[in-house]
C-alpha atoms as a PDB file:
ATOM      1  CA  MET A   1      -4.728   3.973 -21.925  1.00  0.00           C
ATOM      2  CA  THR A   2      -1.950   6.632 -21.183  1.00  0.00           C
ATOM      3  CA  THR A   3       0.242   6.853 -24.369  1.00  0.00           C
ATOM      4  CA  THR A   4       4.234   7.981 -24.087  1.00  0.00           C
ATOM      5  CA  THR A   5       5.749  10.369 -26.537  1.00  0.00           C
ATOM      6  CA  PRO A   6       9.501   8.985 -26.603  1.00  0.00           C
ATOM      7  CA  HIS A   7      10.886  11.633 -29.451  1.00  0.00           C
ATOM      8  CA  ASP A   8       9.306  14.769 -27.276  1.00  0.00           C
ATOM      9  CA  THR A   9      11.658  15.751 -25.079  1.00  0.00           C
ATOM     10  CA  SER A  10      10.168  19.069 -23.838  1.00  0.00           C
ATOM     11  CA  ILE A  11       8.871  17.992 -20.744  1.00  0.00           C
ATOM     12  CA  VAL A  12      12.063  16.287 -19.981  1.00  0.00           C
ATOM     13  CA  ALA A  13      13.710  19.053 -20.805  1.00  0.00           C
ATOM     14  CA  ALA A  14      11.660  20.970 -18.313  1.00  0.00           C
ATOM     15  CA  LEU A  15      12.387  18.807 -15.512  1.00  0.00           C
ATOM     16  CA  LEU A  16      15.722  19.239 -15.885  1.00  0.00           C
ATOM     17  CA  ASP A  17      15.303  23.135 -16.133  1.00  0.00           C
ATOM     18  CA  LYS A  18      13.987  22.906 -12.388  1.00  0.00           C
ATOM     19  CA  GLY A  19      16.534  20.899 -11.228  1.00  0.00           C
ATOM     20  CA  VAL A  20      15.577  17.446 -11.056  1.00  0.00           C
ATOM     21  CA  ARG A  21      18.374  14.800 -11.302  1.00  0.00           C
ATOM     22  CA  ILE A  22      18.249  12.482 -14.447  1.00  0.00           C
ATOM     23  CA  PRO A  23      21.577  10.739 -14.983  1.00  0.00           C
ATOM     24  CA  ASN A  24      20.394   9.620 -18.664  1.00  0.00           C
ATOM     25  CA  PRO A  25      17.669  11.932 -20.129  1.00  0.00           C
ATOM     26  CA  GLY A  26      17.462   9.876 -23.137  1.00  0.00           C
ATOM     27  CA  SER A  27      16.136   6.742 -21.386  1.00  0.00           C
ATOM     28  CA  LEU A  28      13.654   8.450 -19.605  1.00  0.00           C
ATOM     29  CA  GLU A  29       9.849   8.131 -20.880  1.00  0.00           C
ATOM     30  CA  VAL A  30       7.203  10.588 -19.857  1.00  0.00           C
ATOM     31  CA  ALA A  31       3.721  10.775 -21.152  1.00  0.00           C
ATOM     32  CA  ALA A  32       2.113  14.038 -22.777  1.00  0.00           C
ATOM     33  CA  ASP A  33      -0.375  14.436 -20.056  1.00  0.00           C
ATOM     34  CA  VAL A  34       2.419  14.399 -17.381  1.00  0.00           C
ATOM     35  CA  ASP A  35       2.670  18.190 -15.730  1.00  0.00           C
ATOM     36  CA  PRO A  36       6.167  19.047 -14.382  1.00  0.00           C
ATOM     37  CA  ARG A  37       4.453  21.368 -12.224  1.00  0.00           C
ATOM     38  CA  ARG A  38       3.760  18.846 -10.116  1.00  0.00           C
ATOM     39  CA  ILE A  39       7.142  17.068  -9.936  1.00  0.00           C
ATOM     40  CA  SER A  40       9.224  18.983  -7.868  1.00  0.00           C
ATOM     41  CA  GLY A  41      12.733  20.193  -8.290  1.00  0.00           C
ATOM     42  CA  ASP A  42      14.028  19.872  -5.000  1.00  0.00           C
ATOM     43  CA  ASN A  43      16.707  16.853  -4.551  1.00  0.00           C
ATOM     44  CA  VAL A  44      14.592  14.789  -6.960  1.00  0.00           C
ATOM     45  CA  THR A  45      16.733  11.643  -8.523  1.00  0.00           C
ATOM     46  CA  ILE A  46      15.157   9.927 -11.610  1.00  0.00           C
ATOM     47  CA  HIS A  47      17.339   6.959 -12.719  1.00  0.00           C
ATOM     48  CA  ALA A  48      17.510   5.106 -16.570  1.00  0.00           C
ATOM     49  CA  GLY A  49      14.802   3.570 -18.157  1.00  0.00           C
ATOM     50  CA  CYS A  50      11.833   4.814 -15.744  1.00  0.00           C
ATOM     51  CA  ARG A  51       8.393   5.763 -17.251  1.00  0.00           C
ATOM     52  CA  ILE A  52       6.390   8.374 -15.918  1.00  0.00           C
ATOM     53  CA  ARG A  53       3.071   8.796 -16.694  1.00  0.00           C
ATOM     54  CA  GLY A  54      -0.759  10.634 -15.925  1.00  0.00           C
ATOM     55  CA  ALA A  55      -1.882  13.845 -15.618  1.00  0.00           C
ATOM     56  CA  LYS A  56      -2.287  13.225 -11.253  1.00  0.00           C
ATOM     57  CA  THR A  57       1.008  12.072 -10.583  1.00  0.00           C
ATOM     58  CA  VAL A  58       2.894  13.591  -8.249  1.00  0.00           C
ATOM     59  CA  ILE A  59       6.577  13.608  -7.187  1.00  0.00           C
ATOM     60  CA  GLY A  60       7.617  15.453  -3.722  1.00  0.00           C
ATOM     61  CA  ALA A  61      10.974  16.748  -2.583  1.00  0.00           C
ATOM     62  CA  GLY A  62      13.738  14.282  -1.981  1.00  0.00           C
ATOM     63  CA  SER A  63      12.270  11.612  -3.902  1.00  0.00           C
ATOM     64  CA  THR A  64      13.928   8.426  -6.049  1.00  0.00           C
ATOM     65  CA  LEU A  65      12.722   6.735  -8.387  1.00  0.00           C
ATOM     66  CA  GLY A  66      14.685   3.629 -10.266  1.00  0.00           C
ATOM     67  CA  ALA A  67      17.915   3.195  -7.738  1.00  0.00           C
ATOM     68  CA  GLU A  68      17.691  -0.320  -8.386  1.00  0.00           C
ATOM     69  CA  GLY A  69      15.783  -0.736 -11.787  1.00  0.00           C
ATOM     70  CA  PRO A  70      13.568   0.800 -14.147  1.00  0.00           C
ATOM     71  CA  VAL A  71      10.221   2.175 -12.393  1.00  0.00           C
ATOM     72  CA  THR A  72       6.865   2.807 -14.051  1.00  0.00           C
ATOM     73  CA  VAL A  73       4.764   5.200 -12.438  1.00  0.00           C
ATOM     74  CA  GLU A  74       1.049   5.755 -13.751  1.00  0.00           C
ATOM     75  CA  ASN A  75      -1.122   8.629 -11.640  1.00  0.00           C
ATOM     76  CA  CYS A  76       0.323   8.269  -8.445  1.00  0.00           C
ATOM     77  CA  GLN A  77       0.948  10.804  -5.592  1.00  0.00           C
ATOM     78  CA  LEU A  78       4.506  10.440  -3.560  1.00  0.00           C
ATOM     79  CA  GLY A  79       5.487  12.645  -0.831  1.00  0.00           C
ATOM     80  CA  ARG A  80       8.685  13.554   0.521  1.00  0.00           C
ATOM     81  CA  ASP A  81      11.666  11.464   0.531  1.00  0.00           C
ATOM     82  CA  VAL A  82       9.904   8.160  -0.879  1.00  0.00           C
ATOM     83  CA  GLU A  83      12.037   5.782  -2.642  1.00  0.00           C
ATOM     84  CA  LEU A  84      10.882   3.657  -5.482  1.00  0.00           C
ATOM     85  CA  LYS A  85      13.604   1.327  -6.118  1.00  0.00           C
ATOM     86  CA  GLY A  86      12.081  -0.642  -8.920  1.00  0.00           C
ATOM     87  CA  GLY A  87       8.664  -1.736 -10.368  1.00  0.00           C
ATOM     88  CA  PHE A  88       5.356  -1.026 -11.477  1.00  0.00           C
ATOM     89  CA  PHE A  89       3.046   1.747  -9.451  1.00  0.00           C
ATOM     90  CA  ALA A  90      -0.500   3.055 -10.412  1.00  0.00           C
ATOM     91  CA  LYS A  91      -2.853   5.089  -9.167  1.00  0.00           C
ATOM     92  CA  ALA A  92      -0.946   4.727  -5.671  1.00  0.00           C
ATOM     93  CA  VAL A  93      -0.190   6.844  -2.604  1.00  0.00           C
ATOM     94  CA  PHE A  94       3.480   6.879  -0.689  1.00  0.00           C
ATOM     95  CA  LEU A  95       3.891   9.367   1.776  1.00  0.00           C
ATOM     96  CA  ASP A  96       7.100  10.857   3.292  1.00  0.00           C
ATOM     97  CA  ARG A  97      10.132   8.154   3.490  1.00  0.00           C
ATOM     98  CA  ALA A  98       7.679   5.359   2.144  1.00  0.00           C
ATOM     99  CA  ASN A  99      10.111   2.741   0.402  1.00  0.00           C
ATOM    100  CA  MET A 100       9.254  -0.073  -1.891  1.00  0.00           C
ATOM    101  CA  GLY A 101      12.490  -2.593  -2.981  1.00  0.00           C
ATOM    102  CA  LEU A 102      12.990  -4.335  -6.910  1.00  0.00           C
ATOM    103  CA  ALA A 103      10.406  -5.791  -9.133  1.00  0.00           C
ATOM    104  CA  ALA A 104       7.336  -4.517  -6.660  1.00  0.00           C
ATOM    105  CA  HIS A 105       3.947  -4.226  -7.752  1.00  0.00           C
ATOM    106  CA  VAL A 106       1.414  -1.499  -6.429  1.00  0.00           C
ATOM    107  CA  ARG A 107      -1.731  -0.986  -7.601  1.00  0.00           C
ATOM    108  CA  GLU A 108      -4.866   1.075  -7.288  1.00  0.00           C
ATOM    109  CA  GLY A 109      -5.995   1.889  -4.059  1.00  0.00           C
ATOM    110  CA  SER A 110      -3.179   1.572  -1.876  1.00  0.00           C
ATOM    111  CA  LEU A 111      -1.514   3.757   0.487  1.00  0.00           C
ATOM    112  CA  LEU A 112       1.585   3.604   2.258  1.00  0.00           C
ATOM    113  CA  GLU A 113       1.717   6.033   4.898  1.00  0.00           C
ATOM    114  CA  GLU A 114       5.291   7.534   6.424  1.00  0.00           C
ATOM    115  CA  GLU A 115       8.277   5.523   6.591  1.00  0.00           C
ATOM    116  CA  SER A 116       5.922   2.079   5.616  1.00  0.00           C
ATOM    117  CA  GLY A 117       7.000  -0.063   3.117  1.00  0.00           C
ATOM    118  CA  GLY A 118       8.532  -3.113   1.478  1.00  0.00           C
ATOM    119  CA  ALA A 119      11.676  -5.277   0.008  1.00  0.00           C
ATOM    120  CA  HIS A 120      11.892  -6.843  -2.911  1.00  0.00           C
ATOM    121  CA  CYS A 121       8.970  -8.712  -5.076  1.00  0.00           C
ATOM    122  CA  VAL A 122       6.192  -7.131  -3.202  1.00  0.00           C
ATOM    123  CA  GLY A 123       2.139  -7.138  -4.877  1.00  0.00           C
ATOM    124  CA  LEU A 124      -0.243  -4.478  -3.318  1.00  0.00           C
ATOM    125  CA  LYS A 125      -3.706  -3.574  -4.443  1.00  0.00           C
ATOM    126  CA  GLN A 126      -6.166  -1.728  -1.996  1.00  0.00           C
ATOM    127  CA  THR A 127      -3.554  -2.031   0.747  1.00  0.00           C
ATOM    128  CA  ILE A 128      -3.279   0.387   3.633  1.00  0.00           C
ATOM    129  CA  LEU A 129       0.085   0.602   5.901  1.00  0.00           C
ATOM    130  CA  PHE A 130       0.035   2.252   8.607  1.00  0.00           C
ATOM    131  CA  PRO A 131       3.387   4.581   9.636  1.00  0.00           C
ATOM    132  CA  PHE A 132       6.235   2.344   9.960  1.00  0.00           C
ATOM    133  CA  VAL A 133       4.685  -1.044   8.592  1.00  0.00           C
ATOM    134  CA  THR A 134       7.559  -3.070   7.158  1.00  0.00           C
ATOM    135  CA  LEU A 135       7.031  -5.898   4.346  1.00  0.00           C
ATOM    136  CA  GLY A 136       9.550  -8.337   3.736  1.00  0.00           C
ATOM    137  CA  SER A 137      10.340  -9.868   0.173  1.00  0.00           C
ATOM    138  CA  LEU A 138       8.097 -12.638  -1.650  1.00  0.00           C
ATOM    139  CA  ILE A 139       4.781 -11.117  -0.599  1.00  0.00           C
ATOM    140  CA  ASN A 140       1.051 -10.694  -1.909  1.00  0.00           C
ATOM    141  CA  PHE A 141      -0.394  -8.342   0.668  1.00  0.00           C
ATOM    142  CA  CYS A 142      -3.409  -6.776  -1.102  1.00  0.00           C
ATOM    143  CA  ASP A 143      -6.828  -6.240   0.693  1.00  0.00           C
ATOM    144  CA  CYS A 144      -5.923  -5.414   3.977  1.00  0.00           C
ATOM    145  CA  LEU A 145      -5.142  -2.722   6.043  1.00  0.00           C
ATOM    146  CA  MET A 146      -2.376  -3.048   8.752  1.00  0.00           C
ATOM    147  CA  SER A 147      -1.422  -0.569  11.937  1.00  0.00           C
ATOM    148  CA  GLY A 148       0.472  -0.759  14.577  1.00  0.00           C
ATOM    149  CA  GLY A 149       4.082   0.081  15.934  1.00  0.00           C
ATOM    150  CA  THR A 150       5.673   3.605  17.167  1.00  0.00           C
ATOM    151  CA  SER A 151       8.545   4.151  15.026  1.00  0.00           C
ATOM    152  CA  ARG A 152      10.844   2.767  12.773  1.00  0.00           C
ATOM    153  CA  ALA A 153      12.895   0.998  15.779  1.00  0.00           C
ATOM    154  CA  ASP A 154       9.254  -0.731  17.004  1.00  0.00           C
ATOM    155  CA  HIS A 155       7.294  -1.270  13.671  1.00  0.00           C
ATOM    156  CA  SER A 156       4.553  -4.015  12.216  1.00  0.00           C
ATOM    157  CA  GLU A 157       5.875  -6.749  10.346  1.00  0.00           C
ATOM    158  CA  VAL A 158       5.388  -9.086   7.797  1.00  0.00           C
ATOM    159  CA  GLY A 159       7.911 -11.896   7.427  1.00  0.00           C
ATOM    160  CA  SER A 160       8.858 -12.806   4.012  1.00  0.00           C
ATOM    161  CA  SER A 161       7.012 -15.680   1.146  1.00  0.00           C
ATOM    162  CA  TYR A 162       3.799 -14.216   3.187  1.00  0.00           C
ATOM    163  CA  ILE A 163       0.296 -13.979   1.573  1.00  0.00           C
ATOM    164  CA  HIS A 164      -2.891 -12.612   2.538  1.00  0.00           C
ATOM    165  CA  PHE A 165      -5.765 -14.926   0.666  1.00  0.00           C
ATOM    166  CA  ASN A 166      -8.382 -12.566  -0.949  1.00  0.00           C
ATOM    167  CA  PHE A 167      -9.826 -14.891  -3.464  1.00  0.00           C
ATOM    168  CA  THR A 168     -12.068 -18.043  -3.117  1.00  0.00           C
ATOM    169  CA  PRO A 169     -13.081 -20.525  -5.740  1.00  0.00           C
ATOM    170  CA  ASP A 170     -16.201 -18.812  -6.459  1.00  0.00           C
ATOM    171  CA  GLY A 171     -14.504 -15.880  -6.885  1.00  0.00           C
ATOM    172  CA  ASN A 172     -15.375 -14.185  -3.743  1.00  0.00           C
ATOM    173  CA  LYS A 173     -13.690 -11.028  -2.536  1.00  0.00           C
ATOM    174  CA  THR A 174     -15.619 -10.259   0.464  1.00  0.00           C
ATOM    175  CA  THR A 175     -12.360 -10.604   2.003  1.00  0.00           C
ATOM    176  CA  ALA A 176     -11.082  -7.672   3.308  1.00  0.00           C
ATOM    177  CA  SER A 177      -8.555  -7.754   6.686  1.00  0.00           C
ATOM    178  CA  LEU A 178      -7.711  -5.539   9.462  1.00  0.00           C
ATOM    179  CA  PHE A 179      -4.628  -6.359  11.139  1.00  0.00           C
ATOM    180  CA  GLY A 180      -4.842  -3.998  13.905  1.00  0.00           C
ATOM    181  CA  ASP A 181      -7.656  -1.240  13.461  1.00  0.00           C
ATOM    182  CA  VAL A 182      -7.688   2.726  12.806  1.00  0.00           C
ATOM    183  CA  PRO A 183      -8.891   4.046  16.161  1.00  0.00           C
ATOM    184  CA  ARG A 184      -6.385   3.475  17.989  1.00  0.00           C
ATOM    185  CA  GLY A 185      -3.918   2.667  15.177  1.00  0.00           C
ATOM    186  CA  VAL A 186      -3.681   6.727  13.779  1.00  0.00           C
ATOM    187  CA  MET A 187      -2.181   7.511  17.864  1.00  0.00           C
ATOM    188  CA  LEU A 188       0.931   5.182  17.130  1.00  0.00           C
ATOM    189  CA  ASP A 189       1.100   4.469  20.636  1.00  0.00           C
ATOM    190  CA  GLN A 190       0.279   0.488  20.333  1.00  0.00           C
ATOM    191  CA  PRO A 191       2.389  -2.548  20.301  1.00  0.00           C
ATOM    192  CA  ALA A 192       3.345  -3.773  16.885  1.00  0.00           C
ATOM    193  CA  ILE A 193       2.081  -7.082  14.887  1.00  0.00           C
ATOM    194  CA  PHE A 194       4.220  -9.334  13.848  1.00  0.00           C
ATOM    195  CA  LEU A 195       3.425 -11.953  11.156  1.00  0.00           C
ATOM    196  CA  GLY A 196       5.899 -15.119  10.721  1.00  0.00           C
ATOM    197  CA  GLY A 197       7.282 -15.304   7.345  1.00  0.00           C
ATOM    198  CA  GLN A 198       6.547 -18.518   4.854  1.00  0.00           C
ATOM    199  CA  GLY A 199       2.937 -18.256   6.009  1.00  0.00           C
ATOM    200  CA  GLY A 200      -0.503 -16.757   5.523  1.00  0.00           C
ATOM    201  CA  ALA A 201      -3.853 -15.208   6.603  1.00  0.00           C
ATOM    202  CA  VAL A 202      -7.262 -16.277   5.026  1.00  0.00           C
ATOM    203  CA  GLY A 203      -9.159 -13.053   4.675  1.00  0.00           C
ATOM    204  CA  PRO A 204     -11.158 -11.574   6.202  1.00  0.00           C
ATOM    205  CA  VAL A 205      -9.677 -12.045   9.227  1.00  0.00           C
ATOM    206  CA  ARG A 206      -8.743  -9.085  12.183  1.00  0.00           C
ATOM    207  CA  THR A 207      -6.247  -9.396  14.767  1.00  0.00           C
ATOM    208  CA  GLY A 208      -5.577  -6.952  17.833  1.00  0.00           C
ATOM    209  CA  TYR A 209      -2.440  -5.410  18.725  1.00  0.00           C
ATOM    210  CA  GLY A 210       0.631  -7.343  20.025  1.00  0.00           C
ATOM    211  CA  THR A 211       0.040 -10.251  18.165  1.00  0.00           C
ATOM    212  CA  VAL A 212       2.691 -12.679  16.958  1.00  0.00           C
ATOM    213  CA  VAL A 213       1.817 -15.300  14.385  1.00  0.00           C
ATOM    214  CA  ALA A 214       3.913 -18.251  14.054  1.00  0.00           C
ATOM    215  CA  ALA A 215       6.373 -18.339  11.102  1.00  0.00           C
ATOM    216  CA  GLY A 216       5.199 -21.053   8.637  1.00  0.00           C
ATOM    217  CA  SER A 217       1.760 -21.204   9.655  1.00  0.00           C
ATOM    218  CA  VAL A 218      -2.240 -20.133   7.952  1.00  0.00           C
ATOM    219  CA  LEU A 219      -4.109 -17.724  10.152  1.00  0.00           C
ATOM    220  CA  ARG A 220      -7.695 -18.643   9.367  1.00  0.00           C
ATOM    221  CA  GLY A 221      -9.550 -17.147  12.385  1.00  0.00           C
ATOM    222  CA  ASP A 222      -9.625 -13.945  14.199  1.00  0.00           C
ATOM    223  CA  VAL A 223      -7.549 -12.963  17.427  1.00  0.00           C
ATOM    224  CA  ASN A 224      -9.210 -10.524  19.268  1.00  0.00           C
ATOM    225  CA  ASP A 225      -7.481 -10.061  21.836  1.00  0.00           C
ATOM    226  CA  ASP A 226      -4.104  -7.960  22.303  1.00  0.00           C
ATOM    227  CA  GLY A 227      -0.910  -9.495  22.902  1.00  0.00           C
ATOM    228  CA  MET A 228      -1.358 -12.595  21.647  1.00  0.00           C
ATOM    229  CA  LEU A 229       1.210 -15.259  20.499  1.00  0.00           C
ATOM    230  CA  VAL A 230      -0.866 -17.309  17.810  1.00  0.00           C
ATOM    231  CA  VAL A 231       0.702 -21.003  16.129  1.00  0.00           C
ATOM    232  CA  PRO A 232      -2.393 -22.179  14.814  1.00  0.00           C
ATOM    233  CA  ARG A 233      -3.317 -25.400  14.036  1.00  0.00           C
ATOM    234  CA  PRO A 234      -3.486 -27.028  10.643  1.00  0.00           C
ATOM    235  CA  ALA A 235      -6.192 -27.503   8.666  1.00  0.00           C
ATOM    236  CA  PRO A 236      -7.506 -31.214   8.915  1.00  0.00           C
ATOM    237  CA  GLY A 237      -7.352 -33.209   5.806  1.00  0.00           C
ATOM    238  CA  ILE A 238     -10.543 -34.011   3.849  1.00  0.00           C
ATOM    239  CA  THR A 239     -11.836 -34.879   0.247  1.00  0.00           C
ATOM    240  CA  ARG A 240     -15.378 -34.542  -0.411  1.00  0.00           C
ATOM    241  CA  PRO A 241     -17.472 -32.923  -3.114  1.00  0.00           C
ATOM    242  CA  VAL A 242     -17.102 -29.180  -3.790  1.00  0.00           C
ATOM    243  CA  ALA A 243     -20.241 -27.041  -2.292  1.00  0.00           C
ATOM    244  CA  LYS A 244     -20.253 -23.797  -4.431  1.00  0.00           C
ATOM    245  CA  HIS A 245     -21.693 -20.553  -3.159  1.00  0.00           C
ATOM    246  CA  SER A 246     -21.777 -21.923   0.194  1.00  0.00           C
ATOM    247  CA  TYR A 247     -22.096 -19.236   2.765  1.00  0.00           C
ATOM    248  CA  ARG A 248     -21.930 -20.981   6.191  1.00  0.00           C
ATOM    249  CA  GLN A 249     -20.429 -17.955   7.780  1.00  0.00           C
ATOM    250  CA  LEU A 250     -22.334 -15.235   6.150  1.00  0.00           C
ATOM    251  CA  PRO A 251     -23.309 -13.299   9.223  1.00  0.00           C
ATOM    252  CA  ARG A 252     -19.334 -13.123  10.335  1.00  0.00           C
ATOM    253  CA  LEU A 253     -18.423 -12.155   6.387  1.00  0.00           C
ATOM    254  CA  LEU A 254     -21.002  -9.154   6.604  1.00  0.00           C
ATOM    255  CA  GLU A 255     -19.836  -7.912  10.067  1.00  0.00           C
ATOM    256  CA  ARG A 256     -16.137  -8.195   9.049  1.00  0.00           C
ATOM    257  CA  ASN A 257     -16.854  -6.186   5.429  1.00  0.00           C
ATOM    258  CA  LEU A 258     -19.195  -3.538   7.233  1.00  0.00           C
ATOM    259  CA  THR A 259     -16.496  -3.040  10.320  1.00  0.00           C
ATOM    260  CA  TYR A 260     -13.825  -2.497   7.302  1.00  0.00           C
ATOM    261  CA  ILE A 261     -16.097  -0.100   5.805  1.00  0.00           C
ATOM    262  CA  ALA A 262     -16.558   1.822   9.207  1.00  0.00           C
ATOM    263  CA  SER A 263     -12.669   1.729   9.612  1.00  0.00           C
ATOM    264  CA  LEU A 264     -12.356   2.943   5.912  1.00  0.00           C
ATOM    265  CA  ASP A 265     -14.961   6.133   6.944  1.00  0.00           C
ATOM    266  CA  ALA A 266     -12.691   6.468  10.344  1.00  0.00           C
ATOM    267  CA  LEU A 267      -9.678   7.054   8.659  1.00  0.00           C
ATOM    268  CA  GLU A 268     -11.037   9.397   5.755  1.00  0.00           C
ATOM    269  CA  ALA A 269     -12.505  11.762   9.242  1.00  0.00           C
ATOM    270  CA  TRP A 270      -9.070  11.544  10.056  1.00  0.00           C
ATOM    271  CA  TYR A 271      -7.410  12.925   6.812  1.00  0.00           C
ATOM    272  CA  ARG A 272      -9.731  15.521   6.579  1.00  0.00           C
ATOM    273  CA  GLY A 273     -10.391  16.680  10.144  1.00  0.00           C
ATOM    274  CA  VAL A 274      -6.810  16.523  11.369  1.00  0.00           C
ATOM    275  CA  ARG A 275      -3.980  15.258   8.545  1.00  0.00           C
ATOM    276  CA  GLY A 276      -5.114  18.014   6.437  1.00  0.00           C
ATOM    277  CA  ASP A 277      -3.277  21.295   7.496  1.00  0.00           C
ATOM    278  CA  PHE A 278      -0.156  19.131   7.636  1.00  0.00           C
ATOM    279  CA  PHE A 279       0.078  18.522   3.988  1.00  0.00           C
ATOM    280  CA  ALA A 280      -1.158  22.064   3.462  1.00  0.00           C
ATOM    281  CA  ALA A 281       2.220  22.958   5.013  1.00  0.00           C
ATOM    282  CA  TRP A 282       4.563  21.804   2.535  1.00  0.00           C
ATOM    283  CA  PRO A 283       4.703  22.371  -1.333  1.00  0.00           C
ATOM    284  CA  LEU A 284       2.521  19.825  -3.457  1.00  0.00           C
ATOM    285  CA  GLY A 285       1.403  18.168   0.061  1.00  0.00           C
ATOM    286  CA  GLU A 286      -2.577  19.248  -0.859  1.00  0.00           C
ATOM    287  CA  LEU A 287      -2.097  16.993  -4.178  1.00  0.00           C
ATOM    288  CA  VAL A 288      -0.699  14.211  -2.191  1.00  0.00           C
ATOM    289  CA  HIS A 289      -3.363  14.703   0.596  1.00  0.00           C
ATOM    290  CA  GLU A 290      -6.390  14.580  -2.371  1.00  0.00           C
ATOM    291  CA  GLY A 291      -4.537  11.206  -3.729  1.00  0.00           C
ATOM    292  CA  ALA A 292      -4.715   9.802  -0.023  1.00  0.00           C
ATOM    293  CA  LEU A 293      -8.609  10.582   0.268  1.00  0.00           C
ATOM    294  CA  ALA A 294      -8.726   9.033  -3.464  1.00  0.00           C
ATOM    295  CA  ALA A 295      -6.637   5.659  -2.252  1.00  0.00           C
ATOM    296  CA  ILE A 296      -9.544   5.410   0.865  1.00  0.00           C
ATOM    297  CA  ALA A 297     -12.657   6.247  -1.100  1.00  0.00           C
ATOM    298  CA  SER A 298     -11.260   3.780  -3.868  1.00  0.00           C
ATOM    299  CA  GLY A 299     -10.650   1.401  -1.031  1.00  0.00           C
ATOM    300  CA  ARG A 300     -14.524   1.841   0.301  1.00  0.00           C
ATOM    301  CA  SER A 301     -16.052   1.459  -3.271  1.00  0.00           C
ATOM    302  CA  GLU A 302     -13.957  -1.835  -3.987  1.00  0.00           C
ATOM    303  CA  ARG A 303     -15.475  -2.821  -0.268  1.00  0.00           C
ATOM    304  CA  VAL A 304     -19.050  -1.683  -1.250  1.00  0.00           C
ATOM    305  CA  LYS A 305     -19.045  -3.773  -4.606  1.00  0.00           C
ATOM    306  CA  ARG A 306     -17.524  -6.845  -3.289  1.00  0.00           C
ATOM    307  CA  LEU A 307     -20.711  -7.266  -0.988  1.00  0.00           C
END
């Protein structure tokens, strides 16, 4: 457990000396293991009530913490111009211009690529969002990867009050879903995916690009073709004895999970073989790159463990 030292202001003083804007320095809690050298002094703002913890924490130039409410950052890596407006963030990675609104809860293995993000009250864990993917409010979107879209004006989106169902009554979490894919998604030239609000998906599922799922529905199966409008039928009513540890779709379950693991392998290869040089071109970029690779590795370990 990382401990804070609120009476030791030396790290806060070091941040102020290097140019970090801290409007209320006395309200900022910085743990003793935080390295000021890993926090840029270039146009970084940390608002009142924030907590910064962890020796692996990185905050890139232009980033802002706590504009809407207190922020806790613990062993996260932030690229440039990241906005975390309020909430708790641990062992997650945010690339350039990623953003999260008030009351976010983003945990281990999450990787938000450039200009992706969410509004208020969004929960993520082991979640990968490709560039521009946008989440509405009141969303639980753990254990999934989403890609699609070409720009901020043409992006994949998850409507408000959406949930990715990732836990069974038996405690099974072999439920990771692919909305889009890695090989085509990294090219940023695929049609956007839209998951309508006040709905959900029962993992593991996968969808093609250009998929539009109607609001107020629950997706329970795959959408393999691109460009499909989906209005799922409501599940039929049933009352019967509970059949515990029933794996009637075991081959499908294994195939979906192995495909997800292979997707993470492909994403790691992309980061090592293509993206690495771009990170190295800016201050603290290599540290953020290391964090992204660690997030991908965490996702792989989680999926193997759940199998």
